[in-house]
Amino acid sequence: MKILAVGDIVGSIGLNKLKELLPKIIEEENIDFVVVNAENTSGGMGLTVKDFNTLKSMQINTLTMGNHTWGKRDIFSFINDKILLRPGNYSKGVPGKGYGIYECKGKKISVINLIGRTDMNILSENPFTVAEELVNKLKKEVDIIILDFHAEATAEKIAMKYFLDGKVNIIFGTHTHVQTADEEITENGTAYITDLGMTGPKKSVIGMDTKASIKRFTTSLPERYQLAQGEAKLNGCIFELNDETNMPEKIYRISY
């Protein structure tokens, strides 16, 4: 089983790059299952109906979200779609779901979406206790468990790696838009990377226009962020699991 996880799509440039490259990656790498983080797809914040339908037309099994889940009001019209996940540690009672169960090659795969609490400015439940509850429930129902941990702090993501070591098959971080070089298979058998990176404008400050970003830092004055233009890149990671044991055997980053 080969699973592809694609880092945060940023704007139409990132969406177009994904549309261009995803079929090629799936074919060349023999990918079976695809997870894409989509919370920055529409204008850099949130997800519209139009962009959601574009993503649904691709060979994507699951779309995960994050702190910009509610960035576009459109989302309330499709938040309960089977393909779409929002952080499972949002307050109880909000629309949508924090995990999904999907079938692929005779296996049941669960994808969990959680959001961190360190420097995220989101009032969420504790991701560690929610992760534990969900894993204890899902391990009885599925063959493979994947976690997208959408978090700012590398320390929080790494702590989650050790917390769930051997209890889930794959953990990848999203949100910071910078691909980390720490991919590994842990001693207890979890494939892990701190951040997948992003799919969006290459010449940018995590997807945003460089001049607008620099002005914010040099003047400390409010400056509306603008999406960068130009050439795009695609970041992600491929995880190869043993078909008999479901244990990860290989993990490698991709960057186009």
C-alpha atoms as a PDB file:
ATOM      1  CA  MET A   1       0.000   0.000   0.000  1.00  0.00           C
ATOM      2  CA  LYS A   2       1.415   3.387  -1.026  1.00  0.00           C
ATOM      3  CA  ILE A   3      -0.079   6.488   0.542  1.00  0.00           C
ATOM      4  CA  LEU A   4       0.575  10.032  -0.645  1.00  0.00           C
ATOM      5  CA  ALA A   5       0.110  13.030   1.642  1.00  0.00           C
ATOM      6  CA  VAL A   6       0.256  16.475   0.027  1.00  0.00           C
ATOM      7  CA  GLY A   7       1.137  19.615   1.987  1.00  0.00           C
ATOM      8  CA  ASP A   8      -1.206  22.596   2.391  1.00  0.00           C
ATOM      9  CA  ILE A   9      -2.584  23.891  -0.914  1.00  0.00           C
ATOM     10  CA  VAL A  10      -2.128  27.683  -1.020  1.00  0.00           C
ATOM     11  CA  GLY A  11      -4.388  29.598  -3.410  1.00  0.00           C
ATOM     12  CA  SER A  12      -5.295  28.932  -7.028  1.00  0.00           C
ATOM     13  CA  ILE A  13      -1.615  28.594  -7.933  1.00  0.00           C
ATOM     14  CA  GLY A  14      -1.282  25.658  -5.550  1.00  0.00           C
ATOM     15  CA  LEU A  15      -4.560  24.148  -6.719  1.00  0.00           C
ATOM     16  CA  ASN A  16      -3.506  24.328 -10.358  1.00  0.00           C
ATOM     17  CA  LYS A  17      -0.125  22.774  -9.546  1.00  0.00           C
ATOM     18  CA  LEU A  18      -1.853  19.889  -7.762  1.00  0.00           C
ATOM     19  CA  LYS A  19      -4.223  19.416 -10.693  1.00  0.00           C
ATOM     20  CA  GLU A  20      -1.240  19.322 -13.059  1.00  0.00           C
ATOM     21  CA  LEU A  21       1.017  16.986 -11.086  1.00  0.00           C
ATOM     22  CA  LEU A  22      -1.231  14.657  -9.075  1.00  0.00           C
ATOM     23  CA  PRO A  23      -2.090  12.257 -11.948  1.00  0.00           C
ATOM     24  CA  LYS A  24       1.602  12.028 -12.853  1.00  0.00           C
ATOM     25  CA  ILE A  25       2.669  11.312  -9.255  1.00  0.00           C
ATOM     26  CA  ILE A  26      -0.063   8.704  -8.782  1.00  0.00           C
ATOM     27  CA  GLU A  27       0.953   6.902 -11.962  1.00  0.00           C
ATOM     28  CA  GLU A  28       4.724   7.085 -11.547  1.00  0.00           C
ATOM     29  CA  GLU A  29       4.712   6.192  -7.839  1.00  0.00           C
ATOM     30  CA  ASN A  30       1.843   3.657  -7.991  1.00  0.00           C
ATOM     31  CA  ILE A  31      -0.095   5.519  -5.307  1.00  0.00           C
ATOM     32  CA  ASP A  32      -3.142   3.796  -3.793  1.00  0.00           C
ATOM     33  CA  PHE A  33      -4.492   6.423  -1.388  1.00  0.00           C
ATOM     34  CA  VAL A  34      -4.217  10.238  -1.347  1.00  0.00           C
ATOM     35  CA  VAL A  35      -4.631  12.739   1.513  1.00  0.00           C
ATOM     36  CA  VAL A  36      -4.454  16.488   0.803  1.00  0.00           C
ATOM     37  CA  ASN A  37      -4.580  19.394   3.259  1.00  0.00           C
ATOM     38  CA  ALA A  38      -6.927  21.988   1.728  1.00  0.00           C
ATOM     39  CA  GLU A  39      -7.457  24.660   4.381  1.00  0.00           C
ATOM     40  CA  ASN A  40      -5.612  27.412   2.467  1.00  0.00           C
ATOM     41  CA  THR A  41      -6.929  26.578  -0.999  1.00  0.00           C
ATOM     42  CA  SER A  42      -9.311  29.464  -1.627  1.00  0.00           C
ATOM     43  CA  GLY A  43      -7.540  32.816  -1.553  1.00  0.00           C
ATOM     44  CA  GLY A  44      -5.102  31.468   1.035  1.00  0.00           C
ATOM     45  CA  MET A  45      -7.793  30.990   3.671  1.00  0.00           C
ATOM     46  CA  GLY A  46     -10.626  28.464   3.670  1.00  0.00           C
ATOM     47  CA  LEU A  47     -12.351  26.498   0.921  1.00  0.00           C
ATOM     48  CA  THR A  48     -15.101  27.550  -1.509  1.00  0.00           C
ATOM     49  CA  VAL A  49     -17.660  25.325  -3.219  1.00  0.00           C
ATOM     50  CA  LYS A  50     -15.935  25.846  -6.573  1.00  0.00           C
ATOM     51  CA  ASP A  51     -12.496  24.806  -5.306  1.00  0.00           C
ATOM     52  CA  PHE A  52     -13.956  21.940  -3.295  1.00  0.00           C
ATOM     53  CA  ASN A  53     -15.634  20.561  -6.413  1.00  0.00           C
ATOM     54  CA  THR A  54     -12.343  20.882  -8.315  1.00  0.00           C
ATOM     55  CA  LEU A  55     -10.577  18.868  -5.612  1.00  0.00           C
ATOM     56  CA  LYS A  56     -13.346  16.262  -5.592  1.00  0.00           C
ATOM     57  CA  SER A  57     -12.848  15.749  -9.319  1.00  0.00           C
ATOM     58  CA  MET A  58      -9.257  14.638  -8.688  1.00  0.00           C
ATOM     59  CA  GLN A  59      -8.014  11.267  -7.431  1.00  0.00           C
ATOM     60  CA  ILE A  60      -8.117  12.356  -3.790  1.00  0.00           C
ATOM     61  CA  ASN A  61      -9.480  10.131  -1.026  1.00  0.00           C
ATOM     62  CA  THR A  62      -9.461  12.596   1.860  1.00  0.00           C
ATOM     63  CA  LEU A  63      -9.246  16.372   2.326  1.00  0.00           C
ATOM     64  CA  THR A  64      -8.116  17.667   5.718  1.00  0.00           C
ATOM     65  CA  MET A  65      -8.462  21.180   7.126  1.00  0.00           C
ATOM     66  CA  GLY A  66      -7.052  23.267  10.003  1.00  0.00           C
ATOM     67  CA  ASN A  67      -7.264  26.680  11.643  1.00  0.00           C
ATOM     68  CA  HIS A  68      -8.841  28.252   8.529  1.00  0.00           C
ATOM     69  CA  THR A  69     -11.627  25.667   8.294  1.00  0.00           C
ATOM     70  CA  TRP A  70     -14.285  28.361   8.625  1.00  0.00           C
ATOM     71  CA  GLY A  71     -12.455  30.888   6.423  1.00  0.00           C
ATOM     72  CA  LYS A  72     -15.140  30.743   3.725  1.00  0.00           C
ATOM     73  CA  ARG A  73     -18.844  30.576   4.566  1.00  0.00           C
ATOM     74  CA  ASP A  74     -19.318  28.223   1.601  1.00  0.00           C
ATOM     75  CA  ILE A  75     -17.977  25.363   3.681  1.00  0.00           C
ATOM     76  CA  PHE A  76     -21.189  25.008   5.671  1.00  0.00           C
ATOM     77  CA  SER A  77     -22.881  23.739   2.504  1.00  0.00           C
ATOM     78  CA  PHE A  78     -20.481  20.790   2.111  1.00  0.00           C
ATOM     79  CA  ILE A  79     -18.853  20.336   5.532  1.00  0.00           C
ATOM     80  CA  ASN A  80     -20.494  16.919   5.965  1.00  0.00           C
ATOM     81  CA  ASP A  81     -19.189  15.487   2.681  1.00  0.00           C
ATOM     82  CA  LYS A  82     -17.526  12.108   3.253  1.00  0.00           C
ATOM     83  CA  ILE A  83     -14.230  13.226   1.718  1.00  0.00           C
ATOM     84  CA  LEU A  84     -13.826  16.286   3.983  1.00  0.00           C
ATOM     85  CA  LEU A  85     -12.427  16.353   7.526  1.00  0.00           C
ATOM     86  CA  ARG A  86     -12.047  19.252   9.960  1.00  0.00           C
ATOM     87  CA  PRO A  87     -10.008  19.090  13.198  1.00  0.00           C
ATOM     88  CA  GLY A  88     -11.530  16.493  15.497  1.00  0.00           C
ATOM     89  CA  ASN A  89     -10.656  18.491  18.603  1.00  0.00           C
ATOM     90  CA  TYR A  90     -12.791  21.487  17.670  1.00  0.00           C
ATOM     91  CA  SER A  91     -15.525  22.151  20.228  1.00  0.00           C
ATOM     92  CA  LYS A  92     -18.181  19.469  20.467  1.00  0.00           C
ATOM     93  CA  GLY A  93     -21.272  20.161  18.421  1.00  0.00           C
ATOM     94  CA  VAL A  94     -19.636  22.046  15.534  1.00  0.00           C
ATOM     95  CA  PRO A  95     -20.518  20.789  12.040  1.00  0.00           C
ATOM     96  CA  GLY A  96     -18.385  18.288  10.215  1.00  0.00           C
ATOM     97  CA  LYS A  97     -16.326  15.338  11.365  1.00  0.00           C
ATOM     98  CA  GLY A  98     -12.809  14.910  12.703  1.00  0.00           C
ATOM     99  CA  TYR A  99     -12.094  11.505  11.201  1.00  0.00           C
ATOM    100  CA  GLY A 100     -13.230   9.337   8.349  1.00  0.00           C
ATOM    101  CA  ILE A 101     -13.075   5.647   7.459  1.00  0.00           C
ATOM    102  CA  TYR A 102     -12.329   4.704   3.850  1.00  0.00           C
ATOM    103  CA  GLU A 103     -11.823   1.437   1.968  1.00  0.00           C
ATOM    104  CA  CYS A 104      -8.831   0.847  -0.297  1.00  0.00           C
ATOM    105  CA  LYS A 105      -7.435  -2.435  -1.653  1.00  0.00           C
ATOM    106  CA  GLY A 106      -9.484  -4.441   0.828  1.00  0.00           C
ATOM    107  CA  LYS A 107      -8.217  -2.402   3.790  1.00  0.00           C
ATOM    108  CA  LYS A 108     -10.091  -0.031   6.072  1.00  0.00           C
ATOM    109  CA  ILE A 109      -8.160   3.209   6.450  1.00  0.00           C
ATOM    110  CA  SER A 110      -9.008   5.868   9.016  1.00  0.00           C
ATOM    111  CA  VAL A 111      -7.736   9.420   8.612  1.00  0.00           C
ATOM    112  CA  ILE A 112      -7.829  11.699  11.677  1.00  0.00           C
ATOM    113  CA  ASN A 113      -7.496  15.485  11.528  1.00  0.00           C
ATOM    114  CA  LEU A 114      -6.382  17.313  14.701  1.00  0.00           C
ATOM    115  CA  ILE A 115      -5.238  20.860  15.419  1.00  0.00           C
ATOM    116  CA  GLY A 116      -2.499  21.940  17.813  1.00  0.00           C
ATOM    117  CA  ARG A 117      -2.956  24.443  20.630  1.00  0.00           C
ATOM    118  CA  THR A 118       0.481  26.075  20.894  1.00  0.00           C
ATOM    119  CA  ASP A 119       0.442  29.540  19.209  1.00  0.00           C
ATOM    120  CA  MET A 120      -2.600  28.646  17.100  1.00  0.00           C
ATOM    121  CA  ASN A 121      -5.120  31.148  18.536  1.00  0.00           C
ATOM    122  CA  ILE A 122      -7.865  28.550  18.284  1.00  0.00           C
ATOM    123  CA  LEU A 123      -9.932  27.465  21.270  1.00  0.00           C
ATOM    124  CA  SER A 124      -9.758  23.715  20.817  1.00  0.00           C
ATOM    125  CA  GLU A 125      -9.887  20.628  22.982  1.00  0.00           C
ATOM    126  CA  ASN A 126      -6.633  18.937  24.018  1.00  0.00           C
ATOM    127  CA  PRO A 127      -5.335  17.168  20.868  1.00  0.00           C
ATOM    128  CA  PHE A 128      -3.524  14.508  22.884  1.00  0.00           C
ATOM    129  CA  THR A 129      -6.540  13.338  24.869  1.00  0.00           C
ATOM    130  CA  VAL A 130      -8.768  13.493  21.784  1.00  0.00           C
ATOM    131  CA  ALA A 131      -6.154  11.533  19.797  1.00  0.00           C
ATOM    132  CA  GLU A 132      -6.045   8.865  22.483  1.00  0.00           C
ATOM    133  CA  GLU A 133      -9.839   8.537  22.541  1.00  0.00           C
ATOM    134  CA  LEU A 134     -10.094   8.296  18.761  1.00  0.00           C
ATOM    135  CA  VAL A 135      -7.230   5.809  18.389  1.00  0.00           C
ATOM    136  CA  ASN A 136      -8.644   3.543  21.093  1.00  0.00           C
ATOM    137  CA  LYS A 137     -11.962   3.545  19.254  1.00  0.00           C
ATOM    138  CA  LEU A 138     -10.632   3.188  15.719  1.00  0.00           C
ATOM    139  CA  LYS A 139      -8.023   0.480  16.314  1.00  0.00           C
ATOM    140  CA  LYS A 140     -10.905  -1.975  16.745  1.00  0.00           C
ATOM    141  CA  GLU A 141     -12.500  -0.935  13.459  1.00  0.00           C
ATOM    142  CA  VAL A 142      -9.758  -0.297  10.902  1.00  0.00           C
ATOM    143  CA  ASP A 143      -6.487  -1.689   9.551  1.00  0.00           C
ATOM    144  CA  ILE A 144      -4.571   1.579   9.104  1.00  0.00           C
ATOM    145  CA  ILE A 145      -4.710   4.861  11.039  1.00  0.00           C
ATOM    146  CA  ILE A 146      -3.324   8.118   9.616  1.00  0.00           C
ATOM    147  CA  LEU A 147      -3.092  11.414  11.510  1.00  0.00           C
ATOM    148  CA  ASP A 148      -2.787  14.905  10.014  1.00  0.00           C
ATOM    149  CA  PHE A 149      -1.687  17.040  12.963  1.00  0.00           C
ATOM    150  CA  HIS A 150      -2.178  20.661  11.918  1.00  0.00           C
ATOM    151  CA  ALA A 151       0.050  22.510  14.368  1.00  0.00           C
ATOM    152  CA  GLU A 152       2.470  25.436  14.636  1.00  0.00           C
ATOM    153  CA  ALA A 153       5.015  24.174  17.148  1.00  0.00           C
ATOM    154  CA  THR A 154       7.460  21.489  16.076  1.00  0.00           C
ATOM    155  CA  ALA A 155       7.713  20.464  19.729  1.00  0.00           C
ATOM    156  CA  GLU A 156       3.980  19.753  19.897  1.00  0.00           C
ATOM    157  CA  LYS A 157       4.137  17.637  16.749  1.00  0.00           C
ATOM    158  CA  ILE A 158       7.179  15.704  17.929  1.00  0.00           C
ATOM    159  CA  ALA A 159       5.517  15.102  21.304  1.00  0.00           C
ATOM    160  CA  MET A 160       2.534  13.659  19.432  1.00  0.00           C
ATOM    161  CA  LYS A 161       4.913  11.315  17.593  1.00  0.00           C
ATOM    162  CA  TYR A 162       6.108   9.835  20.880  1.00  0.00           C
ATOM    163  CA  PHE A 163       2.618   9.865  22.400  1.00  0.00           C
ATOM    164  CA  LEU A 164       1.199   7.770  19.557  1.00  0.00           C
ATOM    165  CA  ASP A 165       4.349   5.815  18.693  1.00  0.00           C
ATOM    166  CA  GLY A 166       3.310   2.359  17.538  1.00  0.00           C
ATOM    167  CA  LYS A 167      -0.395   3.128  18.015  1.00  0.00           C
ATOM    168  CA  VAL A 168      -0.967   4.626  14.559  1.00  0.00           C
ATOM    169  CA  ASN A 169       0.622   3.850  11.201  1.00  0.00           C
ATOM    170  CA  ILE A 170       1.325   7.370   9.928  1.00  0.00           C
ATOM    171  CA  ILE A 171       1.625  10.852  11.461  1.00  0.00           C
ATOM    172  CA  PHE A 172       2.368  13.907   9.358  1.00  0.00           C
ATOM    173  CA  GLY A 173       2.324  17.552  10.344  1.00  0.00           C
ATOM    174  CA  THR A 174       0.819  20.396   8.343  1.00  0.00           C
ATOM    175  CA  HIS A 175       0.356  24.174   8.788  1.00  0.00           C
ATOM    176  CA  THR A 176       3.849  25.717   8.773  1.00  0.00           C
ATOM    177  CA  HIS A 177       4.228  25.388   4.970  1.00  0.00           C
ATOM    178  CA  VAL A 178       7.926  24.494   5.291  1.00  0.00           C
ATOM    179  CA  GLN A 179       8.905  20.900   4.530  1.00  0.00           C
ATOM    180  CA  THR A 180      11.001  19.360   7.300  1.00  0.00           C
ATOM    181  CA  ALA A 181      13.797  16.838   6.723  1.00  0.00           C
ATOM    182  CA  ASP A 182      13.092  14.572   9.702  1.00  0.00           C
ATOM    183  CA  GLU A 183      11.081  11.784   8.097  1.00  0.00           C
ATOM    184  CA  GLU A 184      11.507   8.510   9.957  1.00  0.00           C
ATOM    185  CA  ILE A 185       9.960   5.222  10.947  1.00  0.00           C
ATOM    186  CA  THR A 186       9.958   5.143  14.737  1.00  0.00           C
ATOM    187  CA  GLU A 187      11.211   2.236  16.805  1.00  0.00           C
ATOM    188  CA  ASN A 188       7.639   1.122  17.476  1.00  0.00           C
ATOM    189  CA  GLY A 189       6.609   1.339  13.826  1.00  0.00           C
ATOM    190  CA  THR A 190       5.012   4.716  13.081  1.00  0.00           C
ATOM    191  CA  ALA A 191       5.982   6.632   9.932  1.00  0.00           C
ATOM    192  CA  TYR A 192       6.444  10.303  10.856  1.00  0.00           C
ATOM    193  CA  ILE A 193       7.372  13.723   9.432  1.00  0.00           C
ATOM    194  CA  THR A 194       7.009  17.034  11.291  1.00  0.00           C
ATOM    195  CA  ASP A 195       5.688  18.995   8.290  1.00  0.00           C
ATOM    196  CA  LEU A 196       4.837  18.088   4.702  1.00  0.00           C
ATOM    197  CA  GLY A 197       5.468  21.599   3.399  1.00  0.00           C
ATOM    198  CA  MET A 198       3.089  23.368   1.024  1.00  0.00           C
ATOM    199  CA  THR A 199       1.735  23.293  -2.494  1.00  0.00           C
ATOM    200  CA  GLY A 200       1.751  26.900  -3.646  1.00  0.00           C
ATOM    201  CA  PRO A 201       3.866  29.853  -4.829  1.00  0.00           C
ATOM    202  CA  LYS A 202       7.574  29.034  -4.735  1.00  0.00           C
ATOM    203  CA  LYS A 203       8.843  32.630  -4.421  1.00  0.00           C
ATOM    204  CA  SER A 204       6.889  33.619  -1.348  1.00  0.00           C
ATOM    205  CA  VAL A 205       6.821  33.830   2.419  1.00  0.00           C
ATOM    206  CA  ILE A 206       4.912  30.617   3.176  1.00  0.00           C
ATOM    207  CA  GLY A 207       2.699  31.359   0.184  1.00  0.00           C
ATOM    208  CA  MET A 208       2.276  35.084   0.677  1.00  0.00           C
ATOM    209  CA  ASP A 209       3.684  38.010  -1.329  1.00  0.00           C
ATOM    210  CA  THR A 210       7.241  38.752  -0.197  1.00  0.00           C
ATOM    211  CA  LYS A 211       6.937  42.560  -0.216  1.00  0.00           C
ATOM    212  CA  ALA A 212       3.769  42.610   1.865  1.00  0.00           C
ATOM    213  CA  SER A 213       5.297  40.138   4.314  1.00  0.00           C
ATOM    214  CA  ILE A 214       8.549  42.100   4.667  1.00  0.00           C
ATOM    215  CA  LYS A 215       6.621  45.334   5.257  1.00  0.00           C
ATOM    216  CA  ARG A 216       4.816  43.742   8.205  1.00  0.00           C
ATOM    217  CA  PHE A 217       8.084  42.678   9.763  1.00  0.00           C
ATOM    218  CA  THR A 218      10.045  45.880   9.109  1.00  0.00           C
ATOM    219  CA  THR A 219       7.375  48.414  10.121  1.00  0.00           C
ATOM    220  CA  SER A 220       5.216  46.478  12.610  1.00  0.00           C
ATOM    221  CA  LEU A 221       2.240  48.132  10.882  1.00  0.00           C
ATOM    222  CA  PRO A 222      -0.826  46.196   9.721  1.00  0.00           C
ATOM    223  CA  GLU A 223      -0.467  45.080   6.128  1.00  0.00           C
ATOM    224  CA  ARG A 224      -2.956  42.906   4.339  1.00  0.00           C
ATOM    225  CA  TYR A 225      -1.369  39.658   3.275  1.00  0.00           C
ATOM    226  CA  GLN A 226      -1.483  39.000  -0.450  1.00  0.00           C
ATOM    227  CA  LEU A 227      -0.976  35.674  -2.138  1.00  0.00           C
ATOM    228  CA  ALA A 228       2.262  35.472  -4.096  1.00  0.00           C
ATOM    229  CA  GLN A 229       2.229  34.840  -7.843  1.00  0.00           C
ATOM    230  CA  GLY A 230       4.542  33.014 -10.228  1.00  0.00           C
ATOM    231  CA  GLU A 231       5.967  29.513 -10.345  1.00  0.00           C
ATOM    232  CA  ALA A 232       4.465  26.941  -7.988  1.00  0.00           C
ATOM    233  CA  LYS A 233       5.910  24.006  -6.079  1.00  0.00           C
ATOM    234  CA  LEU A 234       4.356  20.862  -4.653  1.00  0.00           C
ATOM    235  CA  ASN A 235       5.535  19.322  -1.378  1.00  0.00           C
ATOM    236  CA  GLY A 236       4.444  16.065   0.142  1.00  0.00           C
ATOM    237  CA  CYS A 237       5.466  12.671   1.427  1.00  0.00           C
ATOM    238  CA  ILE A 238       4.967   9.083   0.317  1.00  0.00           C
ATOM    239  CA  PHE A 239       4.495   6.277   2.820  1.00  0.00           C
ATOM    240  CA  GLU A 240       4.851   2.629   1.828  1.00  0.00           C
ATOM    241  CA  LEU A 241       3.120   0.072   4.064  1.00  0.00           C
ATOM    242  CA  ASN A 242       3.533  -3.702   4.093  1.00  0.00           C
ATOM    243  CA  ASP A 243       0.424  -5.301   2.570  1.00  0.00           C
ATOM    244  CA  GLU A 244       0.452  -8.141   5.086  1.00  0.00           C
ATOM    245  CA  THR A 245       1.233  -6.363   8.356  1.00  0.00           C
ATOM    246  CA  ASN A 246       0.208  -2.751   7.476  1.00  0.00           C
ATOM    247  CA  MET A 247       3.485  -1.643   9.050  1.00  0.00           C
ATOM    248  CA  PRO A 248       5.353   1.213   7.343  1.00  0.00           C
ATOM    249  CA  GLU A 249       8.450   0.100   5.466  1.00  0.00           C
ATOM    250  CA  LYS A 250       9.477   3.271   3.600  1.00  0.00           C
ATOM    251  CA  ILE A 251       8.895   7.006   3.905  1.00  0.00           C
ATOM    252  CA  TYR A 252      10.249   9.638   1.549  1.00  0.00           C
ATOM    253  CA  ARG A 253       9.629  13.285   0.827  1.00  0.00           C
ATOM    254  CA  ILE A 254       8.671  14.639  -2.580  1.00  0.00           C
ATOM    255  CA  SER A 255       9.170  18.158  -3.888  1.00  0.00           C
ATOM    256  CA  TYR A 256       8.293  19.259  -7.419  1.00  0.00           C
END
